[in-house]
PDB file of N, CA and C in Angstrom:
ATOM      1  N   MET A   1      -1.137 -17.891  39.024  1.00  0.00           N
ATOM      2  CA  MET A   1       0.200 -17.398  39.335  1.00  0.00           C
ATOM      3  C   MET A   1       0.410 -17.482  40.844  1.00  0.00           C
ATOM      4  N   SER A   2       1.591 -17.881  41.243  1.00  0.00           N
ATOM      5  CA  SER A   2       1.872 -18.064  42.659  1.00  0.00           C
ATOM      6  C   SER A   2       2.543 -16.856  43.308  1.00  0.00           C
ATOM      7  N   CYS A   3       2.719 -15.778  42.587  1.00  0.00           N
ATOM      8  CA  CYS A   3       3.399 -14.594  43.111  1.00  0.00           C
ATOM      9  C   CYS A   3       2.550 -13.919  44.192  1.00  0.00           C
ATOM     10  N   LEU A   4       3.143 -13.752  45.371  1.00  0.00           N
ATOM     11  CA  LEU A   4       2.461 -13.122  46.495  1.00  0.00           C
ATOM     12  C   LEU A   4       1.929 -11.738  46.125  1.00  0.00           C
ATOM     13  N   PHE A   5       2.763 -10.907  45.502  1.00  0.00           N
ATOM     14  CA  PHE A   5       2.337  -9.543  45.195  1.00  0.00           C
ATOM     15  C   PHE A   5       1.287  -9.518  44.086  1.00  0.00           C
ATOM     16  N   CYS A   6       1.352 -10.437  43.134  1.00  0.00           N
ATOM     17  CA  CYS A   6       0.294 -10.515  42.115  1.00  0.00           C
ATOM     18  C   CYS A   6      -1.041 -10.863  42.770  1.00  0.00           C
ATOM     19  N   LYS A   7      -1.005 -11.702  43.792  1.00  0.00           N
ATOM     20  CA  LYS A   7      -2.225 -12.062  44.520  1.00  0.00           C
ATOM     21  C   LYS A   7      -2.760 -10.870  45.307  1.00  0.00           C
ATOM     22  N   ILE A   8      -1.872 -10.029  45.818  1.00  0.00           N
ATOM     23  CA  ILE A   8      -2.317  -8.809  46.492  1.00  0.00           C
ATOM     24  C   ILE A   8      -2.914  -7.846  45.477  1.00  0.00           C
ATOM     25  N   VAL A   9      -2.261  -7.691  44.326  1.00  0.00           N
ATOM     26  CA  VAL A   9      -2.776  -6.816  43.270  1.00  0.00           C
ATOM     27  C   VAL A   9      -4.179  -7.248  42.849  1.00  0.00           C
ATOM     28  N   SER A  10      -4.388  -8.550  42.696  1.00  0.00           N
ATOM     29  CA  SER A  10      -5.687  -9.069  42.245  1.00  0.00           C
ATOM     30  C   SER A  10      -6.757  -9.037  43.332  1.00  0.00           C
ATOM     31  N   GLY A  11      -6.348  -8.835  44.582  1.00  0.00           N
ATOM     32  CA  GLY A  11      -7.298  -8.837  45.688  1.00  0.00           C
ATOM     33  C   GLY A  11      -7.482 -10.205  46.316  1.00  0.00           C
ATOM     34  N   GLU A  12      -6.794 -11.203  45.789  1.00  0.00           N
ATOM     35  CA  GLU A  12      -6.894 -12.558  46.324  1.00  0.00           C
ATOM     36  C   GLU A  12      -6.360 -12.625  47.759  1.00  0.00           C
ATOM     37  N   ILE A  13      -5.326 -11.850  48.040  1.00  0.00           N
ATOM     38  CA  ILE A  13      -4.770 -11.736  49.386  1.00  0.00           C
ATOM     39  C   ILE A  13      -4.977 -10.298  49.843  1.00  0.00           C
ATOM     40  N   PRO A  14      -5.560 -10.093  51.029  1.00  0.00           N
ATOM     41  CA  PRO A  14      -5.784  -8.724  51.507  1.00  0.00           C
ATOM     42  C   PRO A  14      -4.481  -8.056  51.931  1.00  0.00           C
ATOM     43  N   ALA A  15      -4.459  -6.743  51.833  1.00  0.00           N
ATOM     44  CA  ALA A  15      -3.319  -5.941  52.277  1.00  0.00           C
ATOM     45  C   ALA A  15      -3.847  -4.585  52.722  1.00  0.00           C
ATOM     46  N   ALA A  16      -3.116  -3.935  53.600  1.00  0.00           N
ATOM     47  CA  ALA A  16      -3.479  -2.595  54.075  1.00  0.00           C
ATOM     48  C   ALA A  16      -3.038  -1.588  53.014  1.00  0.00           C
ATOM     49  N   ARG A  17      -3.890  -1.385  52.024  1.00  0.00           N
ATOM     50  CA  ARG A  17      -3.573  -0.523  50.883  1.00  0.00           C
ATOM     51  C   ARG A  17      -3.566   0.936  51.300  1.00  0.00           C
ATOM     52  N   VAL A  18      -2.547   1.653  50.829  1.00  0.00           N
ATOM     53  CA  VAL A  18      -2.470   3.085  51.097  1.00  0.00           C
ATOM     54  C   VAL A  18      -2.538   3.904  49.811  1.00  0.00           C
ATOM     55  N   TYR A  19      -2.397   3.230  48.657  1.00  0.00           N
ATOM     56  CA  TYR A  19      -2.430   3.931  47.369  1.00  0.00           C
ATOM     57  C   TYR A  19      -2.703   2.911  46.276  1.00  0.00           C
ATOM     58  N   GLU A  20      -3.439   3.369  45.256  1.00  0.00           N
ATOM     59  CA  GLU A  20      -3.630   2.528  44.078  1.00  0.00           C
ATOM     60  C   GLU A  20      -3.983   3.400  42.892  1.00  0.00           C
ATOM     61  N   ASP A  21      -3.396   3.082  41.740  1.00  0.00           N
ATOM     62  CA  ASP A  21      -3.783   3.692  40.481  1.00  0.00           C
ATOM     63  C   ASP A  21      -3.728   2.611  39.410  1.00  0.00           C
ATOM     64  N   ALA A  22      -3.795   2.979  38.150  1.00  0.00           N
ATOM     65  CA  ALA A  22      -3.838   1.994  37.068  1.00  0.00           C
ATOM     66  C   ALA A  22      -2.562   1.167  36.964  1.00  0.00           C
ATOM     67  N   ASP A  23      -1.439   1.718  37.414  1.00  0.00           N
ATOM     68  CA  ASP A  23      -0.152   1.060  37.241  1.00  0.00           C
ATOM     69  C   ASP A  23       0.458   0.491  38.515  1.00  0.00           C
ATOM     70  N   ALA A  24       0.046   0.995  39.667  1.00  0.00           N
ATOM     71  CA  ALA A  24       0.742   0.671  40.910  1.00  0.00           C
ATOM     72  C   ALA A  24      -0.218   0.475  42.070  1.00  0.00           C
ATOM     73  N   ILE A  25       0.287  -0.225  43.049  1.00  0.00           N
ATOM     74  CA  ILE A  25      -0.417  -0.383  44.312  1.00  0.00           C
ATOM     75  C   ILE A  25       0.619  -0.208  45.414  1.00  0.00           C
ATOM     76  N   ALA A  26       0.202   0.357  46.535  1.00  0.00           N
ATOM     77  CA  ALA A  26       1.094   0.512  47.681  1.00  0.00           C
ATOM     78  C   ALA A  26       0.354   0.038  48.923  1.00  0.00           C
ATOM     79  N   PHE A  27       1.096  -0.661  49.771  1.00  0.00           N
ATOM     80  CA  PHE A  27       0.483  -1.206  50.982  1.00  0.00           C
ATOM     81  C   PHE A  27       1.537  -1.292  52.083  1.00  0.00           C
ATOM     82  N   SER A  28       1.059  -1.369  53.313  1.00  0.00           N
ATOM     83  CA  SER A  28       1.953  -1.466  54.464  1.00  0.00           C
ATOM     84  C   SER A  28       2.661  -2.811  54.472  1.00  0.00           C
ATOM     85  N   ASP A  29       3.959  -2.784  54.792  1.00  0.00           N
ATOM     86  CA  ASP A  29       4.733  -4.010  54.914  1.00  0.00           C
ATOM     87  C   ASP A  29       4.266  -4.759  56.164  1.00  0.00           C
ATOM     88  N   ILE A  30       4.116  -6.075  56.065  1.00  0.00           N
ATOM     89  CA  ILE A  30       3.646  -6.854  57.219  1.00  0.00           C
ATOM     90  C   ILE A  30       4.751  -7.080  58.257  1.00  0.00           C
ATOM     91  N   ASN A  31       5.994  -6.751  57.904  1.00  0.00           N
ATOM     92  CA  ASN A  31       7.116  -6.859  58.831  1.00  0.00           C
ATOM     93  C   ASN A  31       7.888  -5.534  58.806  1.00  0.00           C
ATOM     94  N   PRO A  32       7.275  -4.461  59.343  1.00  0.00           N
ATOM     95  CA  PRO A  32       7.869  -3.132  59.177  1.00  0.00           C
ATOM     96  C   PRO A  32       9.225  -2.999  59.855  1.00  0.00           C
ATOM     97  N   GLN A  33      10.128  -2.312  59.153  1.00  0.00           N
ATOM     98  CA  GLN A  33      11.468  -2.047  59.650  1.00  0.00           C
ATOM     99  C   GLN A  33      11.647  -0.592  60.071  1.00  0.00           C
ATOM    100  N   ALA A  34      10.561   0.169  60.026  1.00  0.00           N
ATOM    101  CA  ALA A  34      10.553   1.572  60.434  1.00  0.00           C
ATOM    102  C   ALA A  34       9.100   1.921  60.767  1.00  0.00           C
ATOM    103  N   PRO A  35       8.876   3.035  61.467  1.00  0.00           N
ATOM    104  CA  PRO A  35       7.496   3.419  61.782  1.00  0.00           C
ATOM    105  C   PRO A  35       6.602   3.525  60.540  1.00  0.00           C
ATOM    106  N   VAL A  36       7.179   3.992  59.438  1.00  0.00           N
ATOM    107  CA  VAL A  36       6.500   3.967  58.144  1.00  0.00           C
ATOM    108  C   VAL A  36       7.273   3.007  57.254  1.00  0.00           C
ATOM    109  N   HIS A  37       6.619   1.956  56.799  1.00  0.00           N
ATOM    110  CA  HIS A  37       7.248   1.000  55.879  1.00  0.00           C
ATOM    111  C   HIS A  37       6.182   0.561  54.884  1.00  0.00           C
ATOM    112  N   ILE A  38       6.225   1.178  53.725  1.00  0.00           N
ATOM    113  CA  ILE A  38       5.246   0.961  52.659  1.00  0.00           C
ATOM    114  C   ILE A  38       5.952   0.294  51.487  1.00  0.00           C
ATOM    115  N   LEU A  39       5.295  -0.670  50.867  1.00  0.00           N
ATOM    116  CA  LEU A  39       5.790  -1.292  49.641  1.00  0.00           C
ATOM    117  C   LEU A  39       5.017  -0.720  48.469  1.00  0.00           C
ATOM    118  N   VAL A  40       5.721  -0.262  47.457  1.00  0.00           N
ATOM    119  CA  VAL A  40       5.111   0.258  46.233  1.00  0.00           C
ATOM    120  C   VAL A  40       5.449  -0.744  45.132  1.00  0.00           C
ATOM    121  N   VAL A  41       4.396  -1.283  44.515  1.00  0.00           N
ATOM    122  CA  VAL A  41       4.518  -2.430  43.613  1.00  0.00           C
ATOM    123  C   VAL A  41       3.858  -2.113  42.274  1.00  0.00           C
ATOM    124  N   PRO A  42       4.540  -2.381  41.161  1.00  0.00           N
ATOM    125  CA  PRO A  42       3.839  -2.251  39.873  1.00  0.00           C
ATOM    126  C   PRO A  42       2.787  -3.356  39.767  1.00  0.00           C
ATOM    127  N   LYS A  43       1.664  -3.030  39.197  1.00  0.00           N
ATOM    128  CA  LYS A  43       0.616  -4.046  39.040  1.00  0.00           C
ATOM    129  C   LYS A  43       1.032  -5.125  38.046  1.00  0.00           C
ATOM    130  N   ARG A  44       1.814  -4.742  37.061  1.00  0.00           N
ATOM    131  CA  ARG A  44       2.308  -5.713  36.089  1.00  0.00           C
ATOM    132  C   ARG A  44       3.490  -6.444  36.691  1.00  0.00           C
ATOM    133  N   HIS A  45       3.507  -7.750  36.534  1.00  0.00           N
ATOM    134  CA  HIS A  45       4.572  -8.560  37.124  1.00  0.00           C
ATOM    135  C   HIS A  45       5.897  -8.338  36.396  1.00  0.00           C
ATOM    136  N   ILE A  46       6.860  -7.836  37.138  1.00  0.00           N
ATOM    137  CA  ILE A  46       8.254  -7.731  36.713  1.00  0.00           C
ATOM    138  C   ILE A  46       9.037  -8.371  37.848  1.00  0.00           C
ATOM    139  N   VAL A  47       9.852  -9.360  37.551  1.00  0.00           N
ATOM    140  CA  VAL A  47      10.526 -10.131  38.597  1.00  0.00           C
ATOM    141  C   VAL A  47      11.423  -9.255  39.469  1.00  0.00           C
ATOM    142  N   SER A  48      12.254  -8.422  38.839  1.00  0.00           N
ATOM    143  CA  SER A  48      13.198  -7.602  39.594  1.00  0.00           C
ATOM    144  C   SER A  48      13.640  -6.433  38.725  1.00  0.00           C
ATOM    145  N   LEU A  49      14.426  -5.553  39.314  1.00  0.00           N
ATOM    146  CA  LEU A  49      14.963  -4.438  38.543  1.00  0.00           C
ATOM    147  C   LEU A  49      15.807  -4.947  37.384  1.00  0.00           C
ATOM    148  N   ASP A  50      16.507  -6.065  37.581  1.00  0.00           N
ATOM    149  CA  ASP A  50      17.306  -6.655  36.505  1.00  0.00           C
ATOM    150  C   ASP A  50      16.457  -7.135  35.340  1.00  0.00           C
ATOM    151  N   GLU A  51      15.210  -7.451  35.590  1.00  0.00           N
ATOM    152  CA  GLU A  51      14.315  -7.958  34.549  1.00  0.00           C
ATOM    153  C   GLU A  51      13.555  -6.845  33.825  1.00  0.00           C
ATOM    154  N   ALA A  52      13.630  -5.615  34.337  1.00  0.00           N
ATOM    155  CA  ALA A  52      12.942  -4.496  33.694  1.00  0.00           C
ATOM    156  C   ALA A  52      13.566  -4.228  32.327  1.00  0.00           C
ATOM    157  N   LYS A  53      12.742  -3.878  31.384  1.00  0.00           N
ATOM    158  CA  LYS A  53      13.173  -3.600  30.006  1.00  0.00           C
ATOM    159  C   LYS A  53      13.111  -2.097  29.742  1.00  0.00           C
ATOM    160  N   ALA A  54      13.651  -1.680  28.624  1.00  0.00           N
ATOM    161  CA  ALA A  54      13.630  -0.263  28.246  1.00  0.00           C
ATOM    162  C   ALA A  54      12.203   0.272  28.207  1.00  0.00           C
ATOM    163  N   GLU A  55      11.263  -0.556  27.781  1.00  0.00           N
ATOM    164  CA  GLU A  55       9.870  -0.093  27.719  1.00  0.00           C
ATOM    165  C   GLU A  55       9.248   0.090  29.107  1.00  0.00           C
ATOM    166  N   ASP A  56       9.957  -0.329  30.161  1.00  0.00           N
ATOM    167  CA  ASP A  56       9.484  -0.144  31.534  1.00  0.00           C
ATOM    168  C   ASP A  56       9.978   1.160  32.152  1.00  0.00           C
ATOM    169  N   ASN A  57      10.793   1.920  31.438  1.00  0.00           N
ATOM    170  CA  ASN A  57      11.380   3.127  32.008  1.00  0.00           C
ATOM    171  C   ASN A  57      10.329   4.101  32.529  1.00  0.00           C
ATOM    172  N   ALA A  58       9.268   4.325  31.785  1.00  0.00           N
ATOM    173  CA  ALA A  58       8.219   5.245  32.238  1.00  0.00           C
ATOM    174  C   ALA A  58       7.555   4.718  33.504  1.00  0.00           C
ATOM    175  N   LEU A  59       7.309   3.418  33.554  1.00  0.00           N
ATOM    176  CA  LEU A  59       6.706   2.808  34.743  1.00  0.00           C
ATOM    177  C   LEU A  59       7.626   2.963  35.950  1.00  0.00           C
ATOM    178  N   LEU A  60       8.924   2.747  35.776  1.00  0.00           N
ATOM    179  CA  LEU A  60       9.860   2.884  36.884  1.00  0.00           C
ATOM    180  C   LEU A  60       9.872   4.316  37.413  1.00  0.00           C
ATOM    181  N   GLY A  61       9.853   5.279  36.507  1.00  0.00           N
ATOM    182  CA  GLY A  61       9.770   6.675  36.926  1.00  0.00           C
ATOM    183  C   GLY A  61       8.471   6.963  37.651  1.00  0.00           C
ATOM    184  N   ARG A  62       7.398   6.402  37.163  1.00  0.00           N
ATOM    185  CA  ARG A  62       6.085   6.568  37.803  1.00  0.00           C
ATOM    186  C   ARG A  62       6.105   6.000  39.217  1.00  0.00           C
ATOM    187  N   MET A  63       6.764   4.857  39.399  1.00  0.00           N
ATOM    188  CA  MET A  63       6.842   4.239  40.721  1.00  0.00           C
ATOM    189  C   MET A  63       7.553   5.170  41.708  1.00  0.00           C
ATOM    190  N   LEU A  64       8.629   5.814  41.263  1.00  0.00           N
ATOM    191  CA  LEU A  64       9.333   6.740  42.145  1.00  0.00           C
ATOM    192  C   LEU A  64       8.472   7.957  42.477  1.00  0.00           C
ATOM    193  N   SER A  65       7.663   8.394  41.535  1.00  0.00           N
ATOM    194  CA  SER A  65       6.733   9.498  41.812  1.00  0.00           C
ATOM    195  C   SER A  65       5.707   9.094  42.857  1.00  0.00           C
ATOM    196  N   VAL A  66       5.253   7.848  42.796  1.00  0.00           N
ATOM    197  CA  VAL A  66       4.300   7.335  43.794  1.00  0.00           C
ATOM    198  C   VAL A  66       4.965   7.307  45.168  1.00  0.00           C
ATOM    199  N   VAL A  67       6.219   6.854  45.225  1.00  0.00           N
ATOM    200  CA  VAL A  67       6.950   6.849  46.499  1.00  0.00           C
ATOM    201  C   VAL A  67       6.970   8.256  47.090  1.00  0.00           C
ATOM    202  N   ALA A  68       7.323   9.250  46.284  1.00  0.00           N
ATOM    203  CA  ALA A  68       7.398  10.634  46.762  1.00  0.00           C
ATOM    204  C   ALA A  68       6.032  11.145  47.204  1.00  0.00           C
ATOM    205  N   LYS A  69       4.981  10.799  46.476  1.00  0.00           N
ATOM    206  CA  LYS A  69       3.621  11.220  46.840  1.00  0.00           C
ATOM    207  C   LYS A  69       3.226  10.642  48.187  1.00  0.00           C
ATOM    208  N   ILE A  70       3.479   9.373  48.394  1.00  0.00           N
ATOM    209  CA  ILE A  70       3.131   8.732  49.666  1.00  0.00           C
ATOM    210  C   ILE A  70       3.971   9.315  50.802  1.00  0.00           C
ATOM    211  N   ALA A  71       5.257   9.560  50.552  1.00  0.00           N
ATOM    212  CA  ALA A  71       6.121  10.160  51.577  1.00  0.00           C
ATOM    213  C   ALA A  71       5.564  11.511  52.011  1.00  0.00           C
ATOM    214  N   ALA A  72       5.092  12.304  51.071  1.00  0.00           N
ATOM    215  CA  ALA A  72       4.495  13.599  51.409  1.00  0.00           C
ATOM    216  C   ALA A  72       3.221  13.398  52.224  1.00  0.00           C
ATOM    217  N   GLU A  73       2.384  12.460  51.815  1.00  0.00           N
ATOM    218  CA  GLU A  73       1.141  12.179  52.547  1.00  0.00           C
ATOM    219  C   GLU A  73       1.422  11.684  53.964  1.00  0.00           C
ATOM    220  N   LYS A  74       2.506  10.955  54.142  1.00  0.00           N
ATOM    221  CA  LYS A  74       2.878  10.421  55.458  1.00  0.00           C
ATOM    222  C   LYS A  74       3.703  11.416  56.270  1.00  0.00           C
ATOM    223  N   GLN A  75       3.858  12.628  55.733  1.00  0.00           N
ATOM    224  CA  GLN A  75       4.557  13.727  56.392  1.00  0.00           C
ATOM    225  C   GLN A  75       5.996  13.358  56.758  1.00  0.00           C
ATOM    226  N   LEU A  76       6.708  12.834  55.779  1.00  0.00           N
ATOM    227  CA  LEU A  76       8.099  12.435  55.971  1.00  0.00           C
ATOM    228  C   LEU A  76       9.058  13.501  55.445  1.00  0.00           C
ATOM    229  N   ALA A  77       8.702  14.766  55.635  1.00  0.00           N
ATOM    230  CA  ALA A  77       9.494  15.877  55.103  1.00  0.00           C
ATOM    231  C   ALA A  77      10.917  15.906  55.649  1.00  0.00           C
ATOM    232  N   SER A  78      11.149  15.341  56.833  1.00  0.00           N
ATOM    233  CA  SER A  78      12.502  15.349  57.391  1.00  0.00           C
ATOM    234  C   SER A  78      13.392  14.273  56.775  1.00  0.00           C
ATOM    235  N   GLY A  79      12.804  13.393  55.973  1.00  0.00           N
ATOM    236  CA  GLY A  79      13.593  12.410  55.249  1.00  0.00           C
ATOM    237  C   GLY A  79      12.991  11.020  55.263  1.00  0.00           C
ATOM    238  N   TYR A  80      13.393  10.250  54.282  1.00  0.00           N
ATOM    239  CA  TYR A  80      12.956   8.861  54.156  1.00  0.00           C
ATOM    240  C   TYR A  80      13.947   8.130  53.279  1.00  0.00           C
ATOM    241  N   ARG A  81      13.830   6.823  53.260  1.00  0.00           N
ATOM    242  CA  ARG A  81      14.711   5.996  52.441  1.00  0.00           C
ATOM    243  C   ARG A  81      13.863   5.185  51.480  1.00  0.00           C
ATOM    244  N   THR A  82      14.368   5.051  50.248  1.00  0.00           N
ATOM    245  CA  THR A  82      13.753   4.204  49.239  1.00  0.00           C
ATOM    246  C   THR A  82      14.737   3.087  48.914  1.00  0.00           C
ATOM    247  N   VAL A  83      14.259   1.843  48.959  1.00  0.00           N
ATOM    248  CA  VAL A  83      15.120   0.684  48.747  1.00  0.00           C
ATOM    249  C   VAL A  83      14.491  -0.222  47.703  1.00  0.00           C
ATOM    250  N   ILE A  84      15.329  -0.720  46.785  1.00  0.00           N
ATOM    251  CA  ILE A  84      14.928  -1.772  45.847  1.00  0.00           C
ATOM    252  C   ILE A  84      15.915  -2.914  46.045  1.00  0.00           C
ATOM    253  N   ASN A  85      15.453  -4.012  46.602  1.00  0.00           N
ATOM    254  CA  ASN A  85      16.299  -5.192  46.756  1.00  0.00           C
ATOM    255  C   ASN A  85      16.217  -6.005  45.467  1.00  0.00           C
ATOM    256  N   THR A  86      17.378  -6.449  44.974  1.00  0.00           N
ATOM    257  CA  THR A  86      17.417  -7.198  43.725  1.00  0.00           C
ATOM    258  C   THR A  86      18.245  -8.457  43.909  1.00  0.00           C
ATOM    259  N   GLY A  87      17.641  -9.599  43.680  1.00  0.00           N
ATOM    260  CA  GLY A  87      18.329 -10.881  43.774  1.00  0.00           C
ATOM    261  C   GLY A  87      18.524 -11.344  45.206  1.00  0.00           C
ATOM    262  N   ASP A  88      18.960 -12.582  45.338  1.00  0.00           N
ATOM    263  CA  ASP A  88      19.141 -13.192  46.657  1.00  0.00           C
ATOM    264  C   ASP A  88      20.117 -12.414  47.527  1.00  0.00           C
ATOM    265  N   GLU A  89      21.281 -12.107  47.003  1.00  0.00           N
ATOM    266  CA  GLU A  89      22.276 -11.401  47.803  1.00  0.00           C
ATOM    267  C   GLU A  89      21.886  -9.955  48.064  1.00  0.00           C
ATOM    268  N   GLY A  90      20.993  -9.417  47.264  1.00  0.00           N
ATOM    269  CA  GLY A  90      20.481  -8.074  47.488  1.00  0.00           C
ATOM    270  C   GLY A  90      19.345  -8.042  48.489  1.00  0.00           C
ATOM    271  N   GLY A  91      18.901  -9.207  48.950  1.00  0.00           N
ATOM    272  CA  GLY A  91      17.852  -9.278  49.961  1.00  0.00           C
ATOM    273  C   GLY A  91      16.446  -9.366  49.414  1.00  0.00           C
ATOM    274  N   GLN A  92      16.292  -9.614  48.119  1.00  0.00           N
ATOM    275  CA  GLN A  92      14.942  -9.711  47.545  1.00  0.00           C
ATOM    276  C   GLN A  92      14.315 -11.032  47.969  1.00  0.00           C
ATOM    277  N   THR A  93      13.161 -10.957  48.652  1.00  0.00           N
ATOM    278  CA  THR A  93      12.491 -12.168  49.133  1.00  0.00           C
ATOM    279  C   THR A  93      11.210 -12.480  48.370  1.00  0.00           C
ATOM    280  N   VAL A  94      10.680 -11.517  47.635  1.00  0.00           N
ATOM    281  CA  VAL A  94       9.512 -11.742  46.785  1.00  0.00           C
ATOM    282  C   VAL A  94       9.931 -11.410  45.360  1.00  0.00           C
ATOM    283  N   GLU A  95       9.753 -12.350  44.451  1.00  0.00           N
ATOM    284  CA  GLU A  95      10.188 -12.159  43.069  1.00  0.00           C
ATOM    285  C   GLU A  95       9.162 -11.369  42.264  1.00  0.00           C
ATOM    286  N   HIS A  96       8.958 -10.138  42.701  1.00  0.00           N
ATOM    287  CA  HIS A  96       8.116  -9.153  42.026  1.00  0.00           C
ATOM    288  C   HIS A  96       8.725  -7.812  42.422  1.00  0.00           C
ATOM    289  N   LEU A  97       9.150  -7.034  41.437  1.00  0.00           N
ATOM    290  CA  LEU A  97       9.778  -5.747  41.701  1.00  0.00           C
ATOM    291  C   LEU A  97       8.947  -4.945  42.694  1.00  0.00           C
ATOM    292  N   HIS A  98       9.604  -4.385  43.692  1.00  0.00           N
ATOM    293  CA  HIS A  98       8.910  -3.527  44.643  1.00  0.00           C
ATOM    294  C   HIS A  98       9.881  -2.530  45.252  1.00  0.00           C
ATOM    295  N   PHE A  99       9.345  -1.397  45.623  1.00  0.00           N
ATOM    296  CA  PHE A  99      10.093  -0.308  46.222  1.00  0.00           C
ATOM    297  C   PHE A  99       9.690  -0.223  47.690  1.00  0.00           C
ATOM    298  N   HIS A 100      10.656  -0.225  48.591  1.00  0.00           N
ATOM    299  CA  HIS A 100      10.393  -0.026  50.012  1.00  0.00           C
ATOM    300  C   HIS A 100      10.489   1.470  50.297  1.00  0.00           C
ATOM    301  N   LEU A 101       9.492   2.020  50.944  1.00  0.00           N
ATOM    302  CA  LEU A 101       9.519   3.385  51.462  1.00  0.00           C
ATOM    303  C   LEU A 101       9.606   3.264  52.979  1.00  0.00           C
ATOM    304  N   LEU A 102      10.717   3.720  53.540  1.00  0.00           N
ATOM    305  CA  LEU A 102      10.950   3.633  54.983  1.00  0.00           C
ATOM    306  C   LEU A 102      11.138   5.031  55.546  1.00  0.00           C
ATOM    307  N   GLY A 103      10.470   5.337  56.649  1.00  0.00           N
ATOM    308  CA  GLY A 103      10.614   6.647  57.263  1.00  0.00           C
ATOM    309  C   GLY A 103      10.054   6.664  58.668  1.00  0.00           C
ATOM    310  N   GLY A 104      10.097   7.844  59.243  1.00  0.00           N
ATOM    311  CA  GLY A 104       9.578   8.016  60.593  1.00  0.00           C
ATOM    312  C   GLY A 104      10.631   7.833  61.669  1.00  0.00           C
ATOM    313  N   ARG A 105      11.867   7.614  61.275  1.00  0.00           N
ATOM    314  CA  ARG A 105      13.001   7.526  62.204  1.00  0.00           C
ATOM    315  C   ARG A 105      14.260   7.849  61.418  1.00  0.00           C
ATOM    316  N   ALA A 106      15.340   8.113  62.142  1.00  0.00           N
ATOM    317  CA  ALA A 106      16.621   8.373  61.487  1.00  0.00           C
ATOM    318  C   ALA A 106      17.143   7.082  60.861  1.00  0.00           C
ATOM    319  N   MET A 107      17.640   7.168  59.656  1.00  0.00           N
ATOM    320  CA  MET A 107      18.239   6.037  58.959  1.00  0.00           C
ATOM    321  C   MET A 107      19.754   6.127  59.130  1.00  0.00           C
ATOM    322  N   HIS A 108      20.404   4.996  59.170  1.00  0.00           N
ATOM    323  CA  HIS A 108      21.851   4.960  59.365  1.00  0.00           C
ATOM    324  C   HIS A 108      22.530   4.374  58.138  1.00  0.00           C
ATOM    325  N   TRP A 109      23.822   4.638  58.000  1.00  0.00           N
ATOM    326  CA  TRP A 109      24.591   4.127  56.888  1.00  0.00           C
ATOM    327  C   TRP A 109      25.858   3.468  57.414  1.00  0.00           C
ATOM    328  N   PRO A 110      26.259   2.352  56.929  1.00  0.00           N
ATOM    329  CA  PRO A 110      25.621   1.597  55.858  1.00  0.00           C
ATOM    330  C   PRO A 110      24.386   0.864  56.363  1.00  0.00           C
ATOM    331  N   PRO A 111      23.460   0.564  55.459  1.00  0.00           N
ATOM    332  CA  PRO A 111      22.210  -0.047  55.884  1.00  0.00           C
ATOM    333  C   PRO A 111      22.357  -1.493  56.337  1.00  0.00           C
ATOM    334  N   GLY A 112      23.387  -2.199  55.909  1.00  0.00           N
ATOM    335  CA  GLY A 112      23.641  -3.552  56.379  1.00  0.00           C
ATOM    336  C   GLY A 112      23.048  -4.588  55.551  1.00  0.00           C
TER     337      GLY A 112
END
């Protein structure tokens, strides 16, 4: 498989891992957009949020719980942003569902 995130999940490509369990892996983004920029990725390949099925609902909820757990560990109590980019116009650059956890600075709206 040529998916970048699948290669990170398998260990073929190294990443600065900050969390891992049976369903998910989280690692630092290599192009951070905030002082804290962590990607939370399901281990099972799902192309995007649009490709998720009803049977993925529990996994999607689990992913959000992982985001919150990492935010607490990173002491982001004053706030953080969670982003899911979907499709080309949504800014998705890797075709594997992933959640961006951004924090450590004030976020502005609209995000652009």
